[in-house]
Amino acid sequence: MQVAIVHRDLLALAALRQLVRRRAGWHLAWSADRADTALARCRGEAPGMLLLGLDDGTDVDAVRALAGMAKCPVVLVVDSLETRREWVFDALGAGARDVVVMDHARALHEDDVRVFWKKLEAIAQAHGDGFAGEGGREPRALLAIGASSGGPRAVARLLQGLRPDLPASVVVVMHLEQRFAQGMADWLGRHATMPVLPASEGDAPRVGEVRLAATNDHLRLNARQRWSYSEEPIQCHYRPSVDVCFGSIAEHWPHQAIGVLLTGMGQDGARGLKVMRARGWLTIAQDEQSSDVYGMPKAAVALGAAARVLSLAEMPGVLNEVLAGFGEGVSHVAES
């Protein structure tokens, strides 16, 4: 989805640009801080959606002109519906399709961002574009990564080496306290070639996105192929558990998948990786030499769960090749 942004407030403009650039499958076509500049850009570079900031200086006639010129949904962005209710109604009457609330003057929480994107995606679908970007396609494959001690560094290196255009979704499970999840997602996102977001209840795996288990409960893939959280099994002291996540993927994911178990203390992930291998999927464990703590990968190798044992440096090349093959309809199974 190609998105254009028009906003007189330069801070709001920058915040919206960053949000669009971080969203897989959505691309910034252009931005402008003046309506006349936007009209000129629409003539030559019509976007798939136009986000229009509505503030004290916005002329309803400008909304009408942009809606007529853009030939795409014009979505109003306001900092408050309460203080701008009359302008919103006038602008909707002038041709704007819908309105979203985004107050750039305060720090945005994950809930704000999630609501913002759900609204925009619904508008795109209603317009008939069906959210046509990469992020809206159903993944051909799911790459599941588990790690613990030494995991952040290893996961960052692995994500840094993955191609951003792979026809796959990625999920990462680490033994991580809930209060650190957003910060970890932000940190990994600065290293990864794809956006890294905390996994929220009800999210679906999407092409070109990395989802991070983000609560003290276990992350599962449910029968509807949506991420969900569960306290069970309560007796499992690894939280969130790699075994639980990998096992749920083996139970409910209908396409190809790859399981990767990285450095970590203990045995979590070994049984889940073995279940994934039993599905005929490729399973990989990190080797001892490149692991900070050779516990979880060692347990997987001892259990016969790992089809391949690779160094951290070798993994991105192998994963890029196999995952790209899924996009071409090539079938890859676990090596015996």
Protein backbone atom coordinates (compact mmCIF):
# COMPACT_ATOMS: atom_id res chain seq x y z
CA MET A 1 0.00 0.00 0.00
CA GLN A 2 1.48 3.34 -1.08
CA VAL A 3 0.60 6.03 1.47
CA ALA A 4 0.88 9.80 1.17
CA ILE A 5 0.85 12.07 4.23
CA VAL A 6 -0.19 15.71 4.43
CA HIS A 7 0.17 17.57 7.72
CA ARG A 8 0.99 21.18 8.58
CA ASP A 9 2.61 20.17 11.88
CA LEU A 10 6.13 18.99 11.10
CA LEU A 11 6.39 16.89 14.29
CA ALA A 12 3.14 15.11 13.46
CA LEU A 13 4.34 14.64 9.88
CA ALA A 14 7.56 13.01 11.09
CA ALA A 15 5.67 10.74 13.52
CA LEU A 16 3.29 9.55 10.80
CA ARG A 17 6.15 8.94 8.37
CA GLN A 18 7.88 6.77 10.95
CA LEU A 19 4.71 4.75 11.62
CA VAL A 20 4.22 4.04 7.91
CA ARG A 21 7.84 3.09 7.33
CA ARG A 22 7.74 0.60 10.21
CA ARG A 23 4.67 -1.22 8.92
CA ALA A 24 5.36 -4.18 6.66
CA GLY A 25 3.63 -3.90 3.31
CA TRP A 26 2.91 -0.16 3.68
CA HIS A 27 5.23 2.27 1.93
CA LEU A 28 5.60 6.03 2.09
CA ALA A 29 4.82 7.41 -1.37
CA TRP A 30 5.47 11.04 -0.41
CA SER A 31 4.68 13.63 2.25
CA ALA A 32 3.88 17.33 2.26
CA ASP A 33 3.15 20.08 4.78
CA ARG A 34 0.97 22.14 2.43
CA ALA A 35 -2.28 21.31 0.67
CA ASP A 36 -1.24 22.95 -2.60
CA THR A 37 1.97 20.90 -2.65
CA ALA A 38 -0.07 17.76 -2.00
CA LEU A 39 -2.46 18.56 -4.85
CA ALA A 40 0.47 18.86 -7.25
CA ARG A 41 1.93 15.55 -6.04
CA CYS A 42 -1.44 13.79 -6.40
CA ARG A 43 -1.57 14.74 -10.08
CA GLY A 44 1.61 12.83 -10.84
CA GLU A 45 1.93 10.30 -8.01
CA ALA A 46 -1.52 9.18 -6.91
CA PRO A 47 -1.21 7.12 -3.69
CA GLY A 48 -3.32 4.22 -2.49
CA MET A 49 -4.29 6.15 0.64
CA LEU A 50 -3.82 9.74 1.80
CA LEU A 51 -3.49 10.63 5.48
CA LEU A 52 -4.52 14.25 6.03
CA GLY A 53 -3.84 16.06 9.27
CA LEU A 54 -6.81 18.13 10.40
CA ASP A 55 -5.81 21.14 12.49
CA ASP A 56 -6.64 24.80 12.96
CA GLY A 57 -5.31 25.76 9.56
CA THR A 58 -7.01 23.06 7.48
CA ASP A 59 -9.48 24.43 4.93
CA VAL A 60 -12.44 22.17 4.17
CA ASP A 61 -12.13 23.24 0.53
CA ALA A 62 -8.63 21.73 0.57
CA VAL A 63 -10.09 18.46 1.84
CA ARG A 64 -12.64 18.50 -1.00
CA ALA A 65 -9.92 19.22 -3.59
CA LEU A 66 -7.61 16.50 -2.31
CA ALA A 67 -10.42 13.94 -2.13
CA GLY A 68 -11.30 14.69 -5.74
CA MET A 69 -7.73 14.67 -7.01
CA ALA A 70 -6.32 11.71 -5.07
CA LYS A 71 -8.90 9.13 -6.27
CA CYS A 72 -8.14 7.15 -3.12
CA PRO A 73 -9.37 7.09 0.49
CA VAL A 74 -8.55 10.34 2.30
CA VAL A 75 -8.27 9.57 6.00
CA LEU A 76 -8.33 12.42 8.49
CA VAL A 77 -5.77 12.33 11.31
CA VAL A 78 -6.80 14.32 14.38
CA ASP A 79 -5.30 14.70 17.85
CA SER A 80 -8.74 14.77 19.48
CA LEU A 81 -12.26 14.09 18.32
CA GLU A 82 -13.71 16.14 21.16
CA THR A 83 -12.08 19.44 20.20
CA ARG A 84 -12.35 18.99 16.41
CA ARG A 85 -15.72 17.29 16.10
CA GLU A 86 -17.32 20.02 13.91
CA TRP A 87 -14.34 20.16 11.55
CA VAL A 88 -14.34 16.37 11.28
CA PHE A 89 -17.99 16.32 10.23
CA ASP A 90 -17.39 19.11 7.68
CA ALA A 91 -14.35 17.31 6.27
CA LEU A 92 -16.20 13.99 6.04
CA GLY A 93 -18.95 15.83 4.18
CA ALA A 94 -16.32 17.21 1.82
CA GLY A 95 -15.17 13.74 0.75
CA ALA A 96 -12.88 12.37 3.46
CA ARG A 97 -13.44 8.64 3.94
CA ASP A 98 -12.82 8.22 7.65
CA VAL A 99 -10.96 9.57 10.67
CA VAL A 100 -8.30 8.21 13.02
CA VAL A 101 -7.08 9.71 16.28
CA MET A 102 -3.31 10.07 16.73
CA ASP A 103 -2.03 12.51 19.33
CA HIS A 104 1.63 13.02 18.44
CA ALA A 105 2.11 15.35 21.41
CA ARG A 106 2.27 12.42 23.83
CA ALA A 107 4.19 9.17 23.83
CA LEU A 108 2.33 6.52 21.85
CA HIS A 109 1.61 3.21 23.51
CA GLU A 110 1.43 -0.09 21.63
CA ASP A 111 -2.35 -0.09 22.05
CA ASP A 112 -2.56 3.29 20.27
CA VAL A 113 -0.51 2.03 17.37
CA ARG A 114 -2.46 -1.23 17.11
CA VAL A 115 -5.81 0.62 16.97
CA PHE A 116 -4.38 3.04 14.41
CA TRP A 117 -3.29 0.25 12.07
CA LYS A 118 -6.43 -1.84 12.47
CA LYS A 119 -8.47 1.18 11.39
CA LEU A 120 -6.29 1.91 8.36
CA GLU A 121 -6.28 -1.72 7.23
CA ALA A 122 -10.07 -1.88 7.53
CA ILE A 123 -10.35 1.26 5.39
CA ALA A 124 -8.01 -0.22 2.77
CA GLN A 125 -10.05 -3.43 2.63
CA ALA A 126 -13.32 -1.53 2.35
CA HIS A 127 -11.87 0.46 -0.54
CA GLY A 128 -11.20 -2.77 -2.41
CA ASP A 129 -7.44 -2.82 -2.10
CA GLY A 130 -7.65 -5.71 0.34
CA PHE A 131 -4.55 -4.42 2.06
CA ALA A 132 -2.55 -5.42 -0.95
CA GLY A 133 0.91 -4.91 0.54
CA GLU A 134 3.28 -7.69 1.47
CA GLY A 135 2.16 -7.52 5.07
CA GLY A 136 -1.36 -8.58 4.08
CA ARG A 137 -0.48 -11.76 2.21
CA GLU A 138 -0.75 -15.02 4.03
CA PRO A 139 2.77 -16.28 4.68
CA ARG A 140 4.01 -19.31 2.77
CA ALA A 141 6.07 -20.19 5.82
CA LEU A 142 6.47 -19.45 9.51
CA LEU A 143 9.96 -19.13 10.98
CA ALA A 144 9.89 -19.86 14.73
CA ILE A 145 12.94 -18.87 16.80
CA GLY A 146 13.52 -19.79 20.44
CA ALA A 147 16.32 -18.59 22.70
CA SER A 148 17.22 -17.78 26.30
CA SER A 149 20.59 -16.93 27.87
CA GLY A 150 22.60 -14.99 25.30
CA GLY A 151 19.48 -14.91 23.14
CA PRO A 152 19.10 -11.17 22.43
CA ARG A 153 22.49 -10.92 20.74
CA ALA A 154 21.98 -14.15 18.80
CA VAL A 155 18.45 -13.25 17.69
CA ALA A 156 19.61 -9.79 16.60
CA ARG A 157 22.39 -11.26 14.47
CA LEU A 158 20.04 -13.77 12.91
CA LEU A 159 17.34 -11.21 12.09
CA GLN A 160 19.96 -8.88 10.68
CA GLY A 161 20.94 -11.50 8.13
CA LEU A 162 17.45 -12.37 6.86
CA ARG A 163 16.23 -10.99 3.56
CA PRO A 164 13.36 -8.50 4.05
CA ASP A 165 11.43 -9.82 1.03
CA LEU A 166 11.02 -13.41 2.21
CA PRO A 167 7.48 -14.86 1.89
CA ALA A 168 7.50 -15.67 5.58
CA SER A 169 6.41 -14.49 9.00
CA VAL A 170 8.76 -14.72 11.97
CA VAL A 171 7.99 -15.34 15.64
CA VAL A 172 10.55 -15.09 18.45
CA VAL A 173 10.16 -16.56 21.94
CA MET A 174 12.67 -15.72 24.67
CA HIS A 175 12.44 -16.12 28.42
CA LEU A 176 11.75 -12.43 28.85
CA GLU A 177 9.89 -10.49 31.55
CA GLN A 178 6.81 -8.71 30.23
CA ARG A 179 8.07 -5.26 31.28
CA PHE A 180 11.08 -5.63 28.98
CA ALA A 181 9.19 -6.82 25.91
CA GLN A 182 8.51 -3.48 24.21
CA GLY A 183 12.07 -2.31 24.74
CA MET A 184 13.41 -5.61 23.39
CA ALA A 185 11.18 -5.35 20.31
CA ASP A 186 12.43 -1.80 19.69
CA TRP A 187 16.05 -2.87 20.14
CA LEU A 188 15.72 -5.89 17.85
CA GLY A 189 13.92 -3.70 15.31
CA ARG A 190 17.00 -1.51 15.02
CA HIS A 191 19.01 -4.56 13.94
CA ALA A 192 16.46 -6.52 11.92
CA THR A 193 15.62 -6.15 8.24
CA MET A 194 11.88 -6.43 9.09
CA PRO A 195 9.69 -4.63 11.63
CA VAL A 196 9.75 -6.24 15.08
CA LEU A 197 6.53 -5.90 17.10
CA PRO A 198 5.26 -7.40 20.35
CA ALA A 199 2.74 -10.15 19.60
CA SER A 200 -0.75 -9.10 20.66
CA GLU A 201 -3.76 -11.30 21.34
CA GLY A 202 -5.50 -12.07 18.04
CA ASP A 203 -2.67 -11.02 15.73
CA ALA A 204 -2.22 -13.11 12.60
CA PRO A 205 1.20 -14.05 11.21
CA ARG A 206 1.99 -11.64 8.37
CA VAL A 207 4.59 -11.65 5.65
CA GLY A 208 7.55 -9.45 6.45
CA GLU A 209 6.89 -9.07 10.18
CA VAL A 210 8.63 -10.36 13.29
CA ARG A 211 6.44 -10.93 16.35
CA LEU A 212 7.98 -11.20 19.81
CA ALA A 213 6.32 -13.09 22.68
CA ALA A 214 5.50 -10.19 24.97
CA THR A 215 3.86 -11.36 28.22
CA ASN A 216 4.65 -13.68 31.11
CA ASP A 217 2.08 -16.11 29.72
CA HIS A 218 2.81 -18.62 26.97
CA LEU A 219 2.42 -17.55 23.35
CA ARG A 220 0.42 -20.03 21.25
CA LEU A 221 -0.82 -20.28 17.69
CA ASN A 222 -4.49 -21.20 17.92
CA ALA A 223 -6.71 -23.16 15.54
CA ARG A 224 -7.64 -19.93 13.69
CA GLN A 225 -3.94 -19.28 13.02
CA ARG A 226 -3.91 -16.31 15.41
CA TRP A 227 -1.51 -15.60 18.24
CA SER A 228 -2.97 -15.96 21.72
CA TYR A 229 -1.68 -16.11 25.29
CA SER A 230 -2.36 -18.72 27.96
CA GLU A 231 -1.30 -19.31 31.58
CA GLU A 232 -1.31 -23.05 30.91
CA PRO A 233 0.74 -25.03 31.51
CA ILE A 234 1.10 -23.25 34.87
CA GLN A 235 3.71 -25.74 36.08
CA CYS A 236 6.11 -24.73 33.30
CA HIS A 237 8.60 -22.35 34.92
CA TYR A 238 10.01 -21.20 31.58
CA ARG A 239 7.74 -18.27 30.72
CA PRO A 240 7.00 -17.74 27.92
CA SER A 241 7.87 -21.30 26.91
CA VAL A 242 9.51 -22.13 23.60
CA ASP A 243 8.15 -25.69 23.83
CA VAL A 244 4.57 -24.42 24.12
CA CYS A 245 4.90 -22.08 21.15
CA PHE A 246 6.67 -24.59 18.90
CA GLY A 247 4.16 -27.30 19.81
CA SER A 248 1.19 -25.07 18.99
CA ILE A 249 2.70 -24.23 15.60
CA ALA A 250 3.13 -27.93 14.84
CA GLU A 251 -0.50 -28.51 15.81
CA HIS A 252 -2.18 -25.63 13.98
CA TRP A 253 0.04 -24.16 11.24
CA PRO A 254 -1.19 -25.49 7.85
CA HIS A 255 1.78 -24.44 5.70
CA GLN A 256 5.56 -24.79 5.85
CA ALA A 257 7.51 -23.91 8.97
CA ILE A 258 11.09 -23.86 10.21
CA GLY A 259 12.12 -24.15 13.85
CA VAL A 260 15.37 -22.63 15.12
CA LEU A 261 16.69 -23.11 18.65
CA LEU A 262 19.44 -20.74 19.72
CA THR A 263 21.67 -20.33 22.76
CA GLY A 264 20.08 -20.75 26.19
CA MET A 265 20.19 -22.46 29.54
CA GLY A 266 18.06 -25.52 30.25
CA GLN A 267 16.05 -27.72 27.92
CA ASP A 268 13.09 -25.56 26.88
CA GLY A 269 12.40 -25.82 23.15
CA ALA A 270 13.92 -29.24 22.57
CA ARG A 271 10.62 -31.15 22.73
CA GLY A 272 8.80 -28.52 20.70
CA LEU A 273 11.50 -28.63 18.05
CA LYS A 274 11.17 -32.42 17.86
CA VAL A 275 7.41 -32.11 17.29
CA MET A 276 8.12 -29.67 14.46
CA ARG A 277 10.61 -32.09 12.93
CA ALA A 278 8.00 -34.85 13.10
CA ARG A 279 5.85 -32.70 10.80
CA GLY A 280 8.59 -32.97 8.17
CA TRP A 281 9.75 -29.40 8.70
CA LEU A 282 13.33 -28.20 8.78
CA THR A 283 14.64 -27.82 12.34
CA ILE A 284 17.93 -26.15 13.26
CA ALA A 285 19.94 -25.97 16.48
CA GLN A 286 22.83 -23.61 17.10
CA ASP A 287 26.21 -25.30 17.45
CA GLU A 288 28.24 -25.32 20.66
CA GLN A 289 31.06 -23.14 19.36
CA SER A 290 28.84 -20.15 18.56
CA SER A 291 26.47 -20.53 21.55
CA ASP A 292 26.96 -18.39 24.65
CA VAL A 293 25.23 -21.11 26.68
CA TYR A 294 25.02 -24.54 25.07
CA GLY A 295 22.02 -25.84 26.98
CA MET A 296 18.82 -25.63 24.93
CA PRO A 297 20.50 -26.49 21.59
CA LYS A 298 22.42 -29.34 23.25
CA ALA A 299 19.17 -30.79 24.59
CA ALA A 300 17.61 -30.59 21.13
CA VAL A 301 20.55 -32.40 19.53
CA ALA A 302 20.50 -35.12 22.21
CA LEU A 303 16.75 -35.60 21.64
CA GLY A 304 17.16 -35.92 17.88
CA ALA A 305 15.07 -32.78 17.37
CA ALA A 306 17.53 -30.90 15.15
CA ALA A 307 17.76 -31.86 11.50
CA ARG A 308 20.76 -29.55 11.16
CA VAL A 309 23.28 -28.09 13.59
CA LEU A 310 24.67 -24.77 12.35
CA SER A 311 26.77 -21.90 13.58
CA LEU A 312 25.04 -18.57 14.06
CA ALA A 313 26.96 -17.21 11.07
CA GLU A 314 25.70 -20.02 8.80
CA MET A 315 22.01 -19.72 9.70
CA PRO A 316 20.94 -16.62 7.72
CA GLY A 317 22.22 -18.00 4.42
CA VAL A 318 20.47 -21.33 4.90
CA LEU A 319 17.23 -19.73 6.02
CA ASN A 320 17.21 -17.22 3.16
CA GLU A 321 17.65 -19.98 0.62
CA VAL A 322 15.01 -22.30 2.07
CA LEU A 323 12.42 -19.60 2.78
CA ALA A 324 12.85 -18.05 -0.67
CA GLY A 325 12.22 -21.51 -2.13
CA PHE A 326 8.84 -21.65 -0.39
CA GLY A 327 7.85 -18.54 -2.33
CA GLU A 328 8.68 -20.34 -5.55
CA GLY A 329 6.61 -23.39 -4.60
CA VAL A 330 9.67 -25.50 -3.75
CA SER A 331 9.09 -28.06 -1.00
CA HIS A 332 11.76 -28.44 1.67
CA VAL A 333 11.60 -31.11 4.32
CA ALA A 334 13.77 -31.90 7.29
CA GLU A 335 17.04 -33.60 6.49
CA SER A 336 17.48 -36.93 8.17
